[in-house]
Amino acid sequence: MSASDEALRLTATDLRMATFRLARRLRCARAVDAMSDAQLAVLATLRMHGTRTITALAERERVTAPSMTSMINGLEEQGYVRRTPDEADRRRVLVDITDAGDEIVAQTLRQRDDLLVGMMSELHFTDDELKTLRDASALMRRVVEP
């Protein structure tokens, strides 16, 4: 393994460990305790990208269509999503977020941002360190976004 390969592997390991620990801490903050991370991810996808089919949601979340149907059933029962027939293809169902679902996502994001702000403020980062974190977050998005 070359020096650059070794550096890449060490960086990947450090990034994975830090990301998992941060994600675990942030997942504790949510507007509805009974909502799963998977359900919240579906609501966030609908909020960010708009109406989707169950198949598209399943592909995005990397679950089977029957699993997504079950998840959508639960979210619909709670009033967080609504289904409508696709006018272009009556065999397909479109799923959209409701105002209640939108509010759950917004509240959860606020709680998670507040938690992270609190964690970061205890460390008294300098302006340069905060810029480094913002730059790192941009690089991390490049890694995970297609």
C-alpha atoms as a PDB file:
ATOM      1  CA  MET A   1       0.000   0.000   0.000  1.00  0.00           C
ATOM      2  CA  SER A   2       1.457   3.375  -0.981  1.00  0.00           C
ATOM      3  CA  ALA A   3       1.742   6.293   1.415  1.00  0.00           C
ATOM      4  CA  SER A   4      -1.241   8.005  -0.215  1.00  0.00           C
ATOM      5  CA  ASP A   5      -3.280   4.771  -0.013  1.00  0.00           C
ATOM      6  CA  GLU A   6      -2.384   4.486   3.666  1.00  0.00           C
ATOM      7  CA  ALA A   7      -3.329   8.135   4.274  1.00  0.00           C
ATOM      8  CA  LEU A   8      -6.631   7.566   2.485  1.00  0.00           C
ATOM      9  CA  ARG A   9      -7.369   4.477   4.600  1.00  0.00           C
ATOM     10  CA  LEU A  10      -6.486   6.243   7.883  1.00  0.00           C
ATOM     11  CA  THR A  11      -8.616   9.239   6.904  1.00  0.00           C
ATOM     12  CA  ALA A  12     -11.525   6.976   5.982  1.00  0.00           C
ATOM     13  CA  THR A  13     -11.278   5.205   9.341  1.00  0.00           C
ATOM     14  CA  ASP A  14     -11.128   8.468  11.302  1.00  0.00           C
ATOM     15  CA  LEU A  15     -14.006   9.928   9.313  1.00  0.00           C
ATOM     16  CA  ARG A  16     -16.159   6.821   9.754  1.00  0.00           C
ATOM     17  CA  MET A  17     -15.620   6.708  13.494  1.00  0.00           C
ATOM     18  CA  ALA A  18     -16.268  10.417  14.022  1.00  0.00           C
ATOM     19  CA  THR A  19     -19.326  10.379  11.754  1.00  0.00           C
ATOM     20  CA  PHE A  20     -20.898   7.384  13.489  1.00  0.00           C
ATOM     21  CA  ARG A  21     -20.343   8.863  16.932  1.00  0.00           C
ATOM     22  CA  LEU A  22     -21.800  12.209  15.874  1.00  0.00           C
ATOM     23  CA  ALA A  23     -24.765  10.572  14.138  1.00  0.00           C
ATOM     24  CA  ARG A  24     -25.505   8.476  17.227  1.00  0.00           C
ATOM     25  CA  ARG A  25     -25.572  11.593  19.399  1.00  0.00           C
ATOM     26  CA  LEU A  26     -27.776  13.511  16.970  1.00  0.00           C
ATOM     27  CA  ARG A  27     -30.258  10.662  16.458  1.00  0.00           C
ATOM     28  CA  CYS A  28     -31.265  11.021  20.106  1.00  0.00           C
ATOM     29  CA  ALA A  29     -32.814  14.405  19.311  1.00  0.00           C
ATOM     30  CA  ARG A  30     -36.147  14.086  17.552  1.00  0.00           C
ATOM     31  CA  ALA A  31     -39.547  15.745  17.737  1.00  0.00           C
ATOM     32  CA  VAL A  32     -41.415  12.429  18.111  1.00  0.00           C
ATOM     33  CA  ASP A  33     -39.726   9.781  20.237  1.00  0.00           C
ATOM     34  CA  ALA A  34     -41.729   6.933  18.701  1.00  0.00           C
ATOM     35  CA  MET A  35     -40.626   7.770  15.151  1.00  0.00           C
ATOM     36  CA  SER A  36     -37.841   5.627  13.708  1.00  0.00           C
ATOM     37  CA  ASP A  37     -34.822   7.041  11.904  1.00  0.00           C
ATOM     38  CA  ALA A  38     -36.073   5.393   8.715  1.00  0.00           C
ATOM     39  CA  GLN A  39     -39.476   7.094   9.001  1.00  0.00           C
ATOM     40  CA  LEU A  40     -37.833  10.438   9.677  1.00  0.00           C
ATOM     41  CA  ALA A  41     -35.552   9.943   6.656  1.00  0.00           C
ATOM     42  CA  VAL A  42     -38.574   9.340   4.413  1.00  0.00           C
ATOM     43  CA  LEU A  43     -40.267  12.488   5.702  1.00  0.00           C
ATOM     44  CA  ALA A  44     -37.066  14.480   5.195  1.00  0.00           C
ATOM     45  CA  THR A  45     -36.765  13.173   1.627  1.00  0.00           C
ATOM     46  CA  LEU A  46     -40.353  14.180   0.860  1.00  0.00           C
ATOM     47  CA  ARG A  47     -39.806  17.577   2.453  1.00  0.00           C
ATOM     48  CA  MET A  48     -36.626  18.216   0.482  1.00  0.00           C
ATOM     49  CA  HIS A  49     -37.487  16.634  -2.873  1.00  0.00           C
ATOM     50  CA  GLY A  50     -41.285  16.724  -3.003  1.00  0.00           C
ATOM     51  CA  THR A  51     -43.783  14.075  -4.028  1.00  0.00           C
ATOM     52  CA  ARG A  52     -42.354  10.632  -4.803  1.00  0.00           C
ATOM     53  CA  THR A  53     -43.586   7.168  -5.659  1.00  0.00           C
ATOM     54  CA  ILE A  54     -43.193   4.367  -3.155  1.00  0.00           C
ATOM     55  CA  THR A  55     -40.707   2.720  -5.522  1.00  0.00           C
ATOM     56  CA  ALA A  56     -38.593   5.879  -5.722  1.00  0.00           C
ATOM     57  CA  LEU A  57     -38.640   6.232  -1.940  1.00  0.00           C
ATOM     58  CA  ALA A  58     -37.670   2.585  -1.501  1.00  0.00           C
ATOM     59  CA  GLU A  59     -34.758   2.963  -3.906  1.00  0.00           C
ATOM     60  CA  ARG A  60     -33.547   6.151  -2.221  1.00  0.00           C
ATOM     61  CA  GLU A  61     -33.709   4.621   1.257  1.00  0.00           C
ATOM     62  CA  ARG A  62     -32.345   1.272   0.015  1.00  0.00           C
ATOM     63  CA  VAL A  63     -35.245  -0.841   1.267  1.00  0.00           C
ATOM     64  CA  THR A  64     -37.697  -3.110  -0.507  1.00  0.00           C
ATOM     65  CA  ALA A  65     -40.940  -1.729  -1.912  1.00  0.00           C
ATOM     66  CA  PRO A  66     -43.013  -3.814   0.562  1.00  0.00           C
ATOM     67  CA  SER A  67     -40.968  -2.411   3.456  1.00  0.00           C
ATOM     68  CA  MET A  68     -41.511   1.114   2.186  1.00  0.00           C
ATOM     69  CA  THR A  69     -45.241   0.456   1.763  1.00  0.00           C
ATOM     70  CA  SER A  70     -45.402  -0.645   5.383  1.00  0.00           C
ATOM     71  CA  MET A  71     -43.510   2.451   6.499  1.00  0.00           C
ATOM     72  CA  ILE A  72     -45.770   4.725   4.442  1.00  0.00           C
ATOM     73  CA  ASN A  73     -48.830   2.996   5.943  1.00  0.00           C
ATOM     74  CA  GLY A  74     -47.616   3.896   9.427  1.00  0.00           C
ATOM     75  CA  LEU A  75     -46.767   7.467   8.485  1.00  0.00           C
ATOM     76  CA  GLU A  76     -50.145   7.879   6.794  1.00  0.00           C
ATOM     77  CA  GLU A  77     -51.980   6.554   9.874  1.00  0.00           C
ATOM     78  CA  GLN A  78     -50.194   9.193  11.946  1.00  0.00           C
ATOM     79  CA  GLY A  79     -51.132  11.929   9.478  1.00  0.00           C
ATOM     80  CA  TYR A  80     -47.578  12.681   8.318  1.00  0.00           C
ATOM     81  CA  VAL A  81     -47.990  11.682   4.648  1.00  0.00           C
ATOM     82  CA  ARG A  82     -50.820  11.361   2.149  1.00  0.00           C
ATOM     83  CA  ARG A  83     -51.165   9.150  -0.892  1.00  0.00           C
ATOM     84  CA  THR A  84     -52.754  10.158  -4.150  1.00  0.00           C
ATOM     85  CA  PRO A  85     -53.211   8.188  -7.356  1.00  0.00           C
ATOM     86  CA  ASP A  86     -50.836   9.180 -10.144  1.00  0.00           C
ATOM     87  CA  GLU A  87     -52.955  10.870 -12.829  1.00  0.00           C
ATOM     88  CA  ALA A  88     -50.577   9.701 -15.574  1.00  0.00           C
ATOM     89  CA  ASP A  89     -50.494   6.064 -14.410  1.00  0.00           C
ATOM     90  CA  ARG A  90     -53.358   4.938 -12.155  1.00  0.00           C
ATOM     91  CA  ARG A  91     -51.345   1.882 -11.053  1.00  0.00           C
ATOM     92  CA  ARG A  92     -48.863   4.130  -9.268  1.00  0.00           C
ATOM     93  CA  VAL A  93     -49.372   5.942  -5.997  1.00  0.00           C
ATOM     94  CA  LEU A  94     -47.714   9.238  -5.173  1.00  0.00           C
ATOM     95  CA  VAL A  95     -46.685  10.040  -1.615  1.00  0.00           C
ATOM     96  CA  ASP A  96     -46.439  13.575  -0.287  1.00  0.00           C
ATOM     97  CA  ILE A  97     -45.671  15.032   3.127  1.00  0.00           C
ATOM     98  CA  THR A  98     -48.446  16.740   5.093  1.00  0.00           C
ATOM     99  CA  ASP A  99     -48.096  19.938   7.104  1.00  0.00           C
ATOM    100  CA  ALA A 100     -47.862  17.798  10.251  1.00  0.00           C
ATOM    101  CA  GLY A 101     -45.051  15.735   8.721  1.00  0.00           C
ATOM    102  CA  ASP A 102     -43.259  18.874   7.588  1.00  0.00           C
ATOM    103  CA  GLU A 103     -43.439  20.261  11.121  1.00  0.00           C
ATOM    104  CA  ILE A 104     -42.013  17.035  12.606  1.00  0.00           C
ATOM    105  CA  VAL A 105     -39.007  17.268  10.281  1.00  0.00           C
ATOM    106  CA  ALA A 106     -38.535  20.983  11.005  1.00  0.00           C
ATOM    107  CA  GLN A 107     -38.715  20.447  14.780  1.00  0.00           C
ATOM    108  CA  THR A 108     -36.299  17.530  14.636  1.00  0.00           C
ATOM    109  CA  LEU A 109     -33.806  19.490  12.545  1.00  0.00           C
ATOM    110  CA  ARG A 110     -34.009  22.418  14.986  1.00  0.00           C
ATOM    111  CA  GLN A 111     -33.443  20.087  17.943  1.00  0.00           C
ATOM    112  CA  ARG A 112     -30.472  18.434  16.264  1.00  0.00           C
ATOM    113  CA  ASP A 113     -28.947  21.762  15.236  1.00  0.00           C
ATOM    114  CA  ASP A 114     -29.438  23.096  18.776  1.00  0.00           C
ATOM    115  CA  LEU A 115     -27.789  19.990  20.225  1.00  0.00           C
ATOM    116  CA  LEU A 116     -24.815  20.330  17.885  1.00  0.00           C
ATOM    117  CA  VAL A 117     -24.500  24.067  18.561  1.00  0.00           C
ATOM    118  CA  GLY A 118     -24.439  23.287  22.283  1.00  0.00           C
ATOM    119  CA  MET A 119     -21.799  20.587  21.847  1.00  0.00           C
ATOM    120  CA  MET A 120     -19.645  22.873  19.698  1.00  0.00           C
ATOM    121  CA  SER A 121     -20.032  25.934  21.918  1.00  0.00           C
ATOM    122  CA  GLU A 122     -18.620  24.003  24.878  1.00  0.00           C
ATOM    123  CA  LEU A 123     -15.406  23.513  22.869  1.00  0.00           C
ATOM    124  CA  HIS A 124     -14.924  27.240  22.150  1.00  0.00           C
ATOM    125  CA  PHE A 125     -13.830  26.790  18.534  1.00  0.00           C
ATOM    126  CA  THR A 126     -12.006  29.676  16.902  1.00  0.00           C
ATOM    127  CA  ASP A 127     -13.355  31.254  13.722  1.00  0.00           C
ATOM    128  CA  ASP A 128     -10.654  29.410  11.758  1.00  0.00           C
ATOM    129  CA  GLU A 129     -11.661  26.082  13.311  1.00  0.00           C
ATOM    130  CA  LEU A 130     -15.320  26.726  12.490  1.00  0.00           C
ATOM    131  CA  LYS A 131     -14.323  27.462   8.889  1.00  0.00           C
ATOM    132  CA  THR A 132     -12.375  24.199   8.825  1.00  0.00           C
ATOM    133  CA  LEU A 133     -15.469  22.333  10.018  1.00  0.00           C
ATOM    134  CA  ARG A 134     -17.617  23.998   7.334  1.00  0.00           C
ATOM    135  CA  ASP A 135     -15.024  23.114   4.696  1.00  0.00           C
ATOM    136  CA  ALA A 136     -14.910  19.535   5.978  1.00  0.00           C
ATOM    137  CA  SER A 137     -18.698  19.271   5.832  1.00  0.00           C
ATOM    138  CA  ALA A 138     -18.614  20.359   2.180  1.00  0.00           C
ATOM    139  CA  LEU A 139     -16.055  17.647   1.435  1.00  0.00           C
ATOM    140  CA  MET A 140     -18.150  15.068   3.285  1.00  0.00           C
ATOM    141  CA  ARG A 141     -21.197  15.993   1.169  1.00  0.00           C
ATOM    142  CA  ARG A 142     -19.101  15.388  -1.960  1.00  0.00           C
ATOM    143  CA  VAL A 143     -18.321  11.902  -0.678  1.00  0.00           C
ATOM    144  CA  VAL A 144     -21.952  10.952  -0.067  1.00  0.00           C
ATOM    145  CA  GLU A 145     -23.885  12.836  -2.743  1.00  0.00           C
ATOM    146  CA  PRO A 146     -24.101  11.385  -6.227  1.00  0.00           C
END
